[in-house]
Amino acid sequence: MLHGIALLLSCAVVITAQQPTEPRVALNEAATASDAKGAAAIEARLLTTVLNGSEDSPVTNVRIVVKNIGANFYTYVSGWATFYDSSAVRCGEGLFKLDALAPNESAEVDTPGLRLHCPPASWRIVATNLLSRTAEGTKPIETAPPPSEAVTEKSAPINFVISIDGEEHPIQVNNPIVLKLGNRNAKIVLRPAQ
């Protein structure tokens, strides 16, 4: 008995998991498809009204209008338009694709490769590719460096040589030199005349 209940519950879980996320709708209603997060992304309406397909004479193309009902700009959209007979048995599907679709924009497309073998009672669309525009690389904001204080240019140091009793001592302008004169040190600074 316990095994029977467990089997029944596991079958219910499998059946629930197999239900499509995109609902089937009547032919005169808009079908919606979701993005990867489960939010409604696009919707489609049938433009072709004569859909009397049969095994001997299948309908091979259908025109639909696809509208972007999401907030993303899509650079490529593709998916399947699937048709079901009155017994909810799939009887045809065709691939549609668009190169670009802006938010709230609609575009007319066809479904080449469709082979509709019945007069359908319902349909749905499934988005297989919703490629959004990639974010452009953000550039760091470059700010100008703060203005520095006015720098007065100093001329390159001029080297001089002081010769005391034949002994030469190099000296630069505004750089002191310390000389030992006898038993004391003398500090000598060479400055420009003002």
N, C-alpha and C. Protein backbone atom coordinates (compact mmCIF):
# COMPACT_ATOMS: atom_id res chain seq x y z
N MET A 1 0.82 -1.19 0.00
CA MET A 1 0.00 0.00 0.00
C MET A 1 0.87 1.26 0.00
N LEU A 2 1.89 1.26 0.86
CA LEU A 2 2.79 2.41 0.97
C LEU A 2 3.55 2.62 -0.33
N HIS A 3 3.95 1.52 -0.98
CA HIS A 3 4.65 1.62 -2.26
C HIS A 3 3.74 2.20 -3.33
N GLY A 4 2.48 1.85 -3.29
CA GLY A 4 1.51 2.37 -4.27
C GLY A 4 1.33 3.87 -4.14
N ILE A 5 1.27 4.38 -2.90
CA ILE A 5 1.13 5.82 -2.68
C ILE A 5 2.38 6.55 -3.15
N ALA A 6 3.55 5.99 -2.85
CA ALA A 6 4.82 6.60 -3.27
C ALA A 6 4.90 6.65 -4.80
N LEU A 7 4.48 5.57 -5.47
CA LEU A 7 4.48 5.53 -6.93
C LEU A 7 3.52 6.56 -7.51
N LEU A 8 2.35 6.68 -6.91
CA LEU A 8 1.36 7.65 -7.38
C LEU A 8 1.88 9.08 -7.23
N LEU A 9 2.51 9.39 -6.08
CA LEU A 9 3.05 10.73 -5.86
C LEU A 9 4.20 11.03 -6.81
N SER A 10 5.07 10.06 -7.07
CA SER A 10 6.19 10.31 -7.98
C SER A 10 5.69 10.52 -9.40
N CYS A 11 4.64 9.82 -9.81
CA CYS A 11 4.06 10.04 -11.15
C CYS A 11 3.45 11.43 -11.24
N ALA A 12 2.81 11.88 -10.18
CA ALA A 12 2.21 13.22 -10.18
C ALA A 12 3.30 14.28 -10.31
N VAL A 13 4.44 14.07 -9.64
CA VAL A 13 5.54 15.03 -9.73
C VAL A 13 6.10 15.05 -11.15
N VAL A 14 6.26 13.89 -11.78
CA VAL A 14 6.78 13.81 -13.14
C VAL A 14 5.82 14.48 -14.12
N ILE A 15 4.54 14.24 -13.98
CA ILE A 15 3.55 14.85 -14.87
C ILE A 15 3.55 16.36 -14.71
N THR A 16 3.63 16.85 -13.47
CA THR A 16 3.68 18.29 -13.23
C THR A 16 4.94 18.89 -13.82
N ALA A 17 6.07 18.20 -13.71
CA ALA A 17 7.33 18.72 -14.23
C ALA A 17 7.32 18.79 -15.75
N GLN A 18 6.50 17.96 -16.42
CA GLN A 18 6.49 17.95 -17.87
C GLN A 18 5.55 18.98 -18.46
N GLN A 19 4.76 19.67 -17.65
CA GLN A 19 3.85 20.67 -18.19
C GLN A 19 4.65 21.84 -18.73
N PRO A 20 4.31 22.34 -19.91
CA PRO A 20 5.07 23.45 -20.48
C PRO A 20 4.85 24.73 -19.69
N THR A 21 5.91 25.55 -19.64
CA THR A 21 5.77 26.83 -18.95
C THR A 21 5.04 27.83 -19.84
N GLU A 22 5.11 27.65 -21.15
CA GLU A 22 4.39 28.51 -22.08
C GLU A 22 3.02 27.88 -22.34
N PRO A 23 1.95 28.52 -21.92
CA PRO A 23 0.62 27.91 -22.05
C PRO A 23 0.13 27.89 -23.49
N ARG A 24 -0.69 26.90 -23.79
CA ARG A 24 -1.36 26.84 -25.09
C ARG A 24 -2.53 27.80 -25.05
N VAL A 25 -2.77 28.46 -26.17
CA VAL A 25 -3.88 29.42 -26.26
C VAL A 25 -4.65 29.15 -27.54
N ALA A 26 -5.85 29.72 -27.61
CA ALA A 26 -6.66 29.60 -28.83
C ALA A 26 -5.96 30.33 -29.97
N LEU A 27 -6.30 29.98 -31.19
CA LEU A 27 -5.63 30.55 -32.36
C LEU A 27 -5.83 32.06 -32.49
N ASN A 28 -6.91 32.59 -31.93
CA ASN A 28 -7.15 34.03 -32.03
C ASN A 28 -6.58 34.81 -30.85
N GLU A 29 -5.84 34.14 -29.95
CA GLU A 29 -5.23 34.79 -28.79
C GLU A 29 -3.72 34.90 -28.97
N ALA A 30 -3.12 35.82 -28.21
CA ALA A 30 -1.67 36.00 -28.24
C ALA A 30 -1.01 34.93 -27.37
N ALA A 31 0.01 34.29 -27.91
CA ALA A 31 0.79 33.30 -27.16
C ALA A 31 2.02 34.01 -26.59
N THR A 32 2.40 33.67 -25.36
CA THR A 32 3.57 34.30 -24.73
C THR A 32 4.65 33.27 -24.46
N ALA A 33 5.89 33.75 -24.48
CA ALA A 33 7.04 32.91 -24.16
C ALA A 33 7.85 33.61 -23.08
N SER A 34 8.45 32.83 -22.21
CA SER A 34 9.20 33.36 -21.08
C SER A 34 10.70 33.34 -21.35
N ASP A 35 11.42 34.18 -20.59
CA ASP A 35 12.88 34.16 -20.66
C ASP A 35 13.40 33.11 -19.68
N ALA A 36 14.69 33.03 -19.50
CA ALA A 36 15.30 32.01 -18.64
C ALA A 36 14.90 32.17 -17.18
N LYS A 37 14.50 33.37 -16.78
CA LYS A 37 14.11 33.62 -15.39
C LYS A 37 12.62 33.39 -15.16
N GLY A 38 11.88 33.05 -16.22
CA GLY A 38 10.46 32.78 -16.09
C GLY A 38 9.58 34.00 -16.31
N ALA A 39 10.16 35.14 -16.62
CA ALA A 39 9.38 36.35 -16.87
C ALA A 39 8.93 36.37 -18.33
N ALA A 40 7.74 36.90 -18.58
CA ALA A 40 7.23 37.00 -19.95
C ALA A 40 8.17 37.89 -20.76
N ALA A 41 8.63 37.39 -21.90
CA ALA A 41 9.60 38.12 -22.71
C ALA A 41 9.03 38.54 -24.06
N ILE A 42 8.37 37.62 -24.75
CA ILE A 42 7.80 37.93 -26.06
C ILE A 42 6.39 37.36 -26.15
N GLU A 43 5.60 37.96 -27.04
CA GLU A 43 4.29 37.41 -27.34
C GLU A 43 4.14 37.39 -28.85
N ALA A 44 3.26 36.52 -29.34
CA ALA A 44 3.06 36.40 -30.78
C ALA A 44 1.58 36.26 -31.09
N ARG A 45 1.20 36.80 -32.25
CA ARG A 45 -0.17 36.67 -32.76
C ARG A 45 -0.09 36.09 -34.16
N LEU A 46 -1.04 35.23 -34.48
CA LEU A 46 -1.09 34.63 -35.82
C LEU A 46 -1.64 35.62 -36.83
N LEU A 47 -0.98 35.74 -37.97
CA LEU A 47 -1.50 36.53 -39.08
C LEU A 47 -2.19 35.64 -40.10
N THR A 48 -1.68 34.42 -40.25
CA THR A 48 -2.28 33.47 -41.18
C THR A 48 -3.54 32.91 -40.54
N THR A 49 -4.66 33.01 -41.24
CA THR A 49 -5.93 32.56 -40.66
C THR A 49 -6.39 31.22 -41.23
N VAL A 50 -5.95 30.87 -42.42
CA VAL A 50 -6.35 29.60 -43.03
C VAL A 50 -5.30 28.55 -42.67
N LEU A 51 -5.65 27.70 -41.71
CA LEU A 51 -4.73 26.67 -41.24
C LEU A 51 -5.37 25.29 -41.36
N ASN A 52 -5.82 24.94 -42.54
CA ASN A 52 -6.48 23.66 -42.76
C ASN A 52 -5.47 22.63 -43.25
N GLY A 53 -4.57 22.23 -42.39
CA GLY A 53 -3.57 21.25 -42.77
C GLY A 53 -4.12 19.84 -42.71
N SER A 54 -3.55 18.95 -43.51
CA SER A 54 -3.91 17.53 -43.49
C SER A 54 -2.66 16.73 -43.84
N GLU A 55 -2.75 15.41 -43.72
CA GLU A 55 -1.60 14.56 -44.06
C GLU A 55 -1.25 14.70 -45.54
N ASP A 56 -2.28 14.81 -46.39
CA ASP A 56 -2.05 14.92 -47.84
C ASP A 56 -1.60 16.31 -48.26
N SER A 57 -2.04 17.33 -47.53
CA SER A 57 -1.74 18.71 -47.90
C SER A 57 -1.41 19.53 -46.65
N PRO A 58 -0.18 19.38 -46.13
CA PRO A 58 0.18 20.13 -44.92
C PRO A 58 0.40 21.62 -45.21
N VAL A 59 0.13 22.44 -44.21
CA VAL A 59 0.46 23.87 -44.29
C VAL A 59 1.96 23.97 -44.03
N THR A 60 2.68 24.66 -44.92
CA THR A 60 4.15 24.67 -44.81
C THR A 60 4.73 26.00 -44.33
N ASN A 61 3.90 27.00 -44.10
CA ASN A 61 4.42 28.27 -43.59
C ASN A 61 3.27 29.05 -42.96
N VAL A 62 3.57 29.75 -41.89
CA VAL A 62 2.60 30.58 -41.18
C VAL A 62 3.27 31.91 -40.88
N ARG A 63 2.53 33.01 -41.01
CA ARG A 63 3.05 34.35 -40.66
C ARG A 63 2.56 34.70 -39.26
N ILE A 64 3.49 35.22 -38.43
CA ILE A 64 3.14 35.65 -37.08
C ILE A 64 3.77 37.02 -36.82
N VAL A 65 3.22 37.74 -35.85
CA VAL A 65 3.80 39.00 -35.39
C VAL A 65 4.33 38.75 -33.98
N VAL A 66 5.63 38.97 -33.81
CA VAL A 66 6.29 38.77 -32.51
C VAL A 66 6.53 40.14 -31.90
N LYS A 67 6.16 40.28 -30.62
CA LYS A 67 6.34 41.55 -29.90
C LYS A 67 7.19 41.32 -28.66
N ASN A 68 8.15 42.22 -28.44
CA ASN A 68 8.98 42.18 -27.23
C ASN A 68 8.20 42.86 -26.11
N ILE A 69 7.75 42.09 -25.13
CA ILE A 69 6.98 42.65 -24.02
C ILE A 69 7.84 42.80 -22.77
N GLY A 70 9.13 42.50 -22.89
CA GLY A 70 10.05 42.66 -21.77
C GLY A 70 10.77 43.99 -21.83
N ALA A 71 11.71 44.18 -20.93
CA ALA A 71 12.46 45.44 -20.86
C ALA A 71 13.80 45.36 -21.58
N ASN A 72 14.21 44.17 -22.02
CA ASN A 72 15.52 44.00 -22.65
C ASN A 72 15.46 44.23 -24.15
N PHE A 73 16.55 44.76 -24.69
CA PHE A 73 16.73 44.86 -26.14
C PHE A 73 17.38 43.55 -26.58
N TYR A 74 16.75 42.85 -27.52
CA TYR A 74 17.28 41.58 -27.99
C TYR A 74 17.94 41.77 -29.35
N THR A 75 19.17 41.28 -29.47
CA THR A 75 19.87 41.34 -30.75
C THR A 75 19.54 40.13 -31.62
N TYR A 76 19.02 39.06 -31.01
CA TYR A 76 18.62 37.88 -31.75
C TYR A 76 17.53 37.16 -30.97
N VAL A 77 16.45 36.81 -31.66
CA VAL A 77 15.33 36.09 -31.05
C VAL A 77 14.99 34.92 -31.95
N SER A 78 14.85 33.74 -31.37
CA SER A 78 14.37 32.60 -32.14
C SER A 78 13.52 31.72 -31.24
N GLY A 79 12.68 30.91 -31.86
CA GLY A 79 11.83 30.03 -31.08
C GLY A 79 10.97 29.16 -31.98
N TRP A 80 10.08 28.42 -31.34
CA TRP A 80 9.19 27.50 -32.04
C TRP A 80 7.75 27.93 -31.86
N ALA A 81 7.00 27.88 -32.94
CA ALA A 81 5.54 28.02 -32.89
C ALA A 81 5.00 26.60 -33.05
N THR A 82 4.31 26.11 -32.03
CA THR A 82 3.83 24.73 -32.02
C THR A 82 2.30 24.72 -32.03
N PHE A 83 1.73 23.85 -32.86
CA PHE A 83 0.27 23.78 -33.04
C PHE A 83 -0.26 22.44 -32.55
N TYR A 84 -1.49 22.46 -31.97
CA TYR A 84 -2.11 21.27 -31.39
C TYR A 84 -3.53 21.12 -31.95
N ASP A 85 -3.94 19.87 -32.14
CA ASP A 85 -5.30 19.63 -32.62
C ASP A 85 -6.28 19.68 -31.45
N SER A 86 -7.54 19.38 -31.71
CA SER A 86 -8.58 19.48 -30.67
C SER A 86 -8.38 18.47 -29.54
N SER A 87 -7.57 17.43 -29.77
CA SER A 87 -7.28 16.44 -28.72
C SER A 87 -5.99 16.78 -27.97
N ALA A 88 -5.43 17.97 -28.20
CA ALA A 88 -4.19 18.44 -27.57
C ALA A 88 -2.97 17.63 -28.01
N VAL A 89 -3.03 17.08 -29.23
CA VAL A 89 -1.90 16.35 -29.79
C VAL A 89 -1.16 17.29 -30.74
N ARG A 90 0.14 17.34 -30.58
CA ARG A 90 0.94 18.22 -31.43
C ARG A 90 0.86 17.74 -32.87
N CYS A 91 0.59 18.69 -33.78
CA CYS A 91 0.47 18.30 -35.18
C CYS A 91 1.29 19.19 -36.11
N GLY A 92 2.20 19.98 -35.55
CA GLY A 92 3.08 20.79 -36.38
C GLY A 92 3.82 21.82 -35.57
N GLU A 93 5.04 22.12 -36.03
CA GLU A 93 5.81 23.18 -35.39
C GLU A 93 6.76 23.79 -36.41
N GLY A 94 6.99 25.09 -36.26
CA GLY A 94 7.88 25.79 -37.17
C GLY A 94 8.76 26.75 -36.41
N LEU A 95 9.96 26.93 -36.92
CA LEU A 95 10.95 27.79 -36.28
C LEU A 95 10.80 29.22 -36.79
N PHE A 96 10.87 30.20 -35.87
CA PHE A 96 10.89 31.61 -36.28
C PHE A 96 12.15 32.25 -35.73
N LYS A 97 12.60 33.33 -36.38
CA LYS A 97 13.79 34.04 -35.89
C LYS A 97 13.74 35.50 -36.31
N LEU A 98 14.33 36.33 -35.47
CA LEU A 98 14.45 37.77 -35.71
C LEU A 98 15.87 38.20 -35.37
N ASP A 99 16.38 39.18 -36.11
CA ASP A 99 17.74 39.64 -35.84
C ASP A 99 17.81 40.69 -34.74
N ALA A 100 16.77 41.45 -34.51
CA ALA A 100 16.78 42.45 -33.43
C ALA A 100 15.35 42.77 -33.05
N LEU A 101 15.14 43.04 -31.76
CA LEU A 101 13.80 43.37 -31.29
C LEU A 101 13.92 44.24 -30.04
N ALA A 102 13.53 45.50 -30.18
CA ALA A 102 13.60 46.45 -29.07
C ALA A 102 12.39 46.28 -28.15
N PRO A 103 12.45 46.79 -26.92
CA PRO A 103 11.29 46.72 -26.03
C PRO A 103 10.07 47.38 -26.67
N ASN A 104 8.92 46.73 -26.56
CA ASN A 104 7.63 47.16 -27.11
C ASN A 104 7.62 47.24 -28.64
N GLU A 105 8.58 46.64 -29.29
CA GLU A 105 8.62 46.62 -30.75
C GLU A 105 8.02 45.31 -31.24
N SER A 106 7.33 45.36 -32.39
CA SER A 106 6.76 44.17 -33.01
C SER A 106 7.39 43.98 -34.38
N ALA A 107 7.49 42.72 -34.80
CA ALA A 107 8.04 42.40 -36.12
C ALA A 107 7.29 41.20 -36.68
N GLU A 108 7.06 41.25 -37.99
CA GLU A 108 6.37 40.16 -38.67
C GLU A 108 7.40 39.16 -39.18
N VAL A 109 7.17 37.88 -38.88
CA VAL A 109 8.09 36.82 -39.31
C VAL A 109 7.27 35.63 -39.80
N ASP A 110 7.96 34.70 -40.45
CA ASP A 110 7.30 33.47 -40.87
C ASP A 110 7.93 32.29 -40.16
N THR A 111 7.38 31.11 -40.41
CA THR A 111 7.86 29.88 -39.77
C THR A 111 8.23 28.87 -40.85
N PRO A 112 9.35 29.09 -41.53
CA PRO A 112 9.73 28.15 -42.59
C PRO A 112 10.00 26.76 -42.01
N GLY A 113 9.71 25.76 -42.78
CA GLY A 113 9.93 24.39 -42.33
C GLY A 113 8.73 23.80 -41.60
N LEU A 114 7.70 24.60 -41.40
CA LEU A 114 6.49 24.10 -40.73
C LEU A 114 5.82 23.04 -41.59
N ARG A 115 5.32 21.99 -40.97
CA ARG A 115 4.50 20.98 -41.64
C ARG A 115 3.31 20.72 -40.73
N LEU A 116 2.25 21.49 -40.94
CA LEU A 116 1.05 21.41 -40.11
C LEU A 116 0.11 20.37 -40.72
N HIS A 117 -0.08 19.23 -40.00
CA HIS A 117 -0.83 18.08 -40.52
C HIS A 117 -2.28 18.02 -40.08
N CYS A 118 -2.80 19.07 -39.44
CA CYS A 118 -4.17 19.03 -38.93
C CYS A 118 -4.75 20.43 -38.92
N PRO A 119 -6.05 20.56 -38.78
CA PRO A 119 -6.61 21.88 -38.49
C PRO A 119 -6.42 22.14 -36.99
N PRO A 120 -5.50 23.05 -36.59
CA PRO A 120 -5.19 23.20 -35.17
C PRO A 120 -6.31 23.89 -34.40
N ALA A 121 -6.35 23.60 -33.09
CA ALA A 121 -7.30 24.24 -32.19
C ALA A 121 -6.59 25.20 -31.23
N SER A 122 -5.31 24.95 -30.98
CA SER A 122 -4.54 25.81 -30.07
C SER A 122 -3.09 25.85 -30.53
N TRP A 123 -2.34 26.77 -29.94
CA TRP A 123 -0.93 26.91 -30.29
C TRP A 123 -0.18 27.54 -29.13
N ARG A 124 1.13 27.50 -29.19
CA ARG A 124 1.98 28.16 -28.20
C ARG A 124 3.31 28.50 -28.87
N ILE A 125 4.06 29.39 -28.24
CA ILE A 125 5.41 29.68 -28.71
C ILE A 125 6.38 29.42 -27.57
N VAL A 126 7.58 29.02 -27.93
CA VAL A 126 8.66 28.80 -26.97
C VAL A 126 9.87 29.56 -27.50
N ALA A 127 10.45 30.40 -26.66
CA ALA A 127 11.66 31.13 -27.05
C ALA A 127 12.86 30.23 -26.79
N THR A 128 13.63 29.94 -27.84
CA THR A 128 14.83 29.13 -27.66
C THR A 128 16.07 29.99 -27.50
N ASN A 129 16.08 31.19 -28.10
CA ASN A 129 17.20 32.11 -27.97
C ASN A 129 16.67 33.53 -27.78
N LEU A 130 17.08 34.15 -26.70
CA LEU A 130 16.79 35.56 -26.44
C LEU A 130 18.13 36.20 -26.08
N LEU A 131 18.87 36.61 -27.10
CA LEU A 131 20.19 37.19 -26.86
C LEU A 131 20.05 38.69 -26.67
N SER A 132 20.41 39.15 -25.49
CA SER A 132 20.31 40.58 -25.22
C SER A 132 21.63 41.26 -25.54
N ARG A 133 21.53 42.56 -25.69
CA ARG A 133 22.70 43.37 -26.01
C ARG A 133 23.67 43.29 -24.84
N THR A 134 24.96 43.08 -25.14
CA THR A 134 25.94 43.01 -24.07
C THR A 134 26.20 44.40 -23.54
N ALA A 135 26.46 44.48 -22.25
CA ALA A 135 26.74 45.78 -21.64
C ALA A 135 28.07 46.29 -22.16
N GLU A 136 28.06 47.50 -22.61
CA GLU A 136 29.30 48.09 -23.08
C GLU A 136 30.21 48.27 -21.89
N GLY A 137 31.48 48.01 -22.12
CA GLY A 137 32.44 48.12 -21.02
C GLY A 137 32.40 49.51 -20.42
N THR A 138 32.27 49.55 -19.14
CA THR A 138 32.22 50.85 -18.50
C THR A 138 33.63 51.39 -18.36
N LYS A 139 33.77 52.63 -18.68
CA LYS A 139 35.07 53.27 -18.57
C LYS A 139 35.14 53.96 -17.22
N PRO A 140 36.29 53.88 -16.55
CA PRO A 140 36.39 54.59 -15.28
C PRO A 140 36.32 56.09 -15.54
N ILE A 141 35.70 56.77 -14.62
CA ILE A 141 35.58 58.21 -14.75
C ILE A 141 36.94 58.82 -14.46
N GLU A 142 37.42 59.53 -15.44
CA GLU A 142 38.73 60.15 -15.26
C GLU A 142 38.52 61.59 -14.86
N THR A 143 39.03 61.92 -13.70
CA THR A 143 38.92 63.30 -13.24
C THR A 143 40.25 63.99 -13.47
N ALA A 144 40.16 65.27 -13.72
CA ALA A 144 41.38 66.04 -13.91
C ALA A 144 42.09 66.15 -12.57
N PRO A 145 43.42 66.11 -12.59
CA PRO A 145 44.12 66.24 -11.32
C PRO A 145 43.86 67.62 -10.73
N PRO A 146 43.86 67.72 -9.41
CA PRO A 146 43.60 69.02 -8.80
C PRO A 146 44.68 70.01 -9.23
N PRO A 147 44.27 71.26 -9.41
CA PRO A 147 45.27 72.24 -9.85
C PRO A 147 46.35 72.39 -8.78
N SER A 148 47.56 72.29 -9.23
CA SER A 148 48.66 72.42 -8.27
C SER A 148 49.00 73.89 -8.11
N GLU A 149 49.67 74.17 -7.03
CA GLU A 149 50.07 75.55 -6.79
C GLU A 149 51.04 75.97 -7.88
N ALA A 150 51.01 77.23 -8.17
CA ALA A 150 51.90 77.74 -9.20
C ALA A 150 53.34 77.45 -8.80
N VAL A 151 54.02 76.78 -9.67
CA VAL A 151 55.40 76.41 -9.39
C VAL A 151 56.29 77.38 -10.15
N THR A 152 57.15 78.02 -9.41
CA THR A 152 58.09 78.91 -10.07
C THR A 152 59.26 78.07 -10.56
N GLU A 153 59.58 78.29 -11.79
CA GLU A 153 60.66 77.51 -12.35
C GLU A 153 61.99 77.98 -11.79
N LYS A 154 62.76 77.01 -11.39
CA LYS A 154 64.10 77.33 -10.93
C LYS A 154 65.05 76.98 -12.06
N SER A 155 65.96 77.83 -12.25
CA SER A 155 66.93 77.55 -13.30
C SER A 155 67.85 76.43 -12.83
N ALA A 156 68.40 75.75 -13.77
CA ALA A 156 69.31 74.66 -13.44
C ALA A 156 70.48 75.22 -12.63
N PRO A 157 70.92 74.44 -11.66
CA PRO A 157 72.02 74.95 -10.85
C PRO A 157 73.28 75.20 -11.69
N ILE A 158 73.92 76.28 -11.37
CA ILE A 158 75.17 76.62 -12.05
C ILE A 158 76.30 76.26 -11.10
N ASN A 159 77.23 75.50 -11.59
CA ASN A 159 78.34 75.07 -10.75
C ASN A 159 79.49 76.07 -10.83
N PHE A 160 80.01 76.37 -9.66
CA PHE A 160 81.19 77.23 -9.56
C PHE A 160 82.27 76.47 -8.80
N VAL A 161 83.45 76.95 -8.95
CA VAL A 161 84.57 76.36 -8.22
C VAL A 161 85.27 77.49 -7.45
N ILE A 162 85.47 77.29 -6.16
CA ILE A 162 86.21 78.25 -5.34
C ILE A 162 87.62 77.67 -5.17
N SER A 163 88.57 78.48 -5.49
CA SER A 163 89.96 78.05 -5.35
C SER A 163 90.58 78.81 -4.18
N ILE A 164 90.96 78.08 -3.14
CA ILE A 164 91.59 78.67 -1.96
C ILE A 164 92.99 78.07 -1.85
N ASP A 165 94.01 78.94 -2.02
CA ASP A 165 95.42 78.53 -1.96
C ASP A 165 95.68 77.34 -2.89
N GLY A 166 95.06 77.35 -4.08
CA GLY A 166 95.29 76.31 -5.06
C GLY A 166 94.41 75.07 -4.87
N GLU A 167 93.68 75.05 -3.77
CA GLU A 167 92.77 73.92 -3.52
C GLU A 167 91.40 74.31 -4.04
N GLU A 168 90.84 73.50 -4.94
CA GLU A 168 89.56 73.82 -5.56
C GLU A 168 88.41 73.13 -4.82
N HIS A 169 87.34 73.91 -4.62
CA HIS A 169 86.14 73.40 -3.94
C HIS A 169 84.92 73.74 -4.80
N PRO A 170 84.15 72.70 -5.28
CA PRO A 170 82.95 73.01 -6.08
C PRO A 170 81.85 73.58 -5.20
N ILE A 171 81.07 74.49 -5.76
CA ILE A 171 79.97 75.09 -5.02
C ILE A 171 78.85 75.43 -6.02
N GLN A 172 77.60 75.28 -5.59
CA GLN A 172 76.44 75.61 -6.41
C GLN A 172 75.74 76.80 -5.79
N VAL A 173 74.97 77.50 -6.61
CA VAL A 173 74.21 78.65 -6.13
C VAL A 173 73.21 78.15 -5.09
N ASN A 174 73.12 78.81 -3.96
CA ASN A 174 72.22 78.53 -2.84
C ASN A 174 72.50 77.21 -2.13
N ASN A 175 73.58 76.51 -2.47
CA ASN A 175 73.97 75.31 -1.73
C ASN A 175 75.22 75.66 -0.92
N PRO A 176 75.12 75.51 0.39
CA PRO A 176 76.28 75.89 1.21
C PRO A 176 77.43 74.90 1.09
N ILE A 177 78.59 75.39 1.31
CA ILE A 177 79.77 74.55 1.41
C ILE A 177 80.44 74.91 2.74
N VAL A 178 80.89 73.90 3.44
CA VAL A 178 81.54 74.12 4.73
C VAL A 178 83.03 73.84 4.55
N LEU A 179 83.82 74.85 4.86
CA LEU A 179 85.27 74.73 4.75
C LEU A 179 85.90 74.86 6.13
N LYS A 180 86.94 74.11 6.36
CA LYS A 180 87.65 74.20 7.63
C LYS A 180 88.77 75.23 7.46
N LEU A 181 88.63 76.30 8.16
CA LEU A 181 89.62 77.37 8.10
C LEU A 181 90.31 77.43 9.47
N GLY A 182 91.46 76.85 9.55
CA GLY A 182 92.18 76.81 10.83
C GLY A 182 91.47 75.86 11.77
N ASN A 183 91.06 76.40 12.92
CA ASN A 183 90.39 75.56 13.90
C ASN A 183 88.88 75.76 13.92
N ARG A 184 88.37 76.46 12.94
CA ARG A 184 86.92 76.64 12.89
C ARG A 184 86.38 76.31 11.50
N ASN A 185 85.06 76.01 11.43
CA ASN A 185 84.39 75.71 10.16
C ASN A 185 83.74 76.99 9.64
N ALA A 186 83.91 77.24 8.36
CA ALA A 186 83.28 78.40 7.74
C ALA A 186 82.24 77.90 6.73
N LYS A 187 81.04 78.45 6.81
CA LYS A 187 79.95 78.08 5.90
C LYS A 187 79.89 79.17 4.83
N ILE A 188 80.03 78.76 3.56
CA ILE A 188 80.02 79.71 2.46
C ILE A 188 78.81 79.39 1.58
N VAL A 189 77.99 80.42 1.26
CA VAL A 189 76.82 80.27 0.40
C VAL A 189 76.96 81.27 -0.73
N LEU A 190 76.82 80.79 -1.94
CA LEU A 190 76.90 81.63 -3.12
C LEU A 190 75.48 81.95 -3.56
N ARG A 191 75.12 83.27 -3.60
CA ARG A 191 73.78 83.71 -3.99
C ARG A 191 73.88 84.69 -5.14
N PRO A 192 72.78 84.71 -5.96
CA PRO A 192 72.79 85.73 -7.01
C PRO A 192 72.58 87.11 -6.40
N ALA A 193 73.13 88.13 -7.02
CA ALA A 193 72.99 89.49 -6.52
C ALA A 193 71.58 89.97 -6.82
N GLN A 194 71.00 90.70 -5.89
CA GLN A 194 69.63 91.17 -6.10
C GLN A 194 69.57 92.64 -6.28
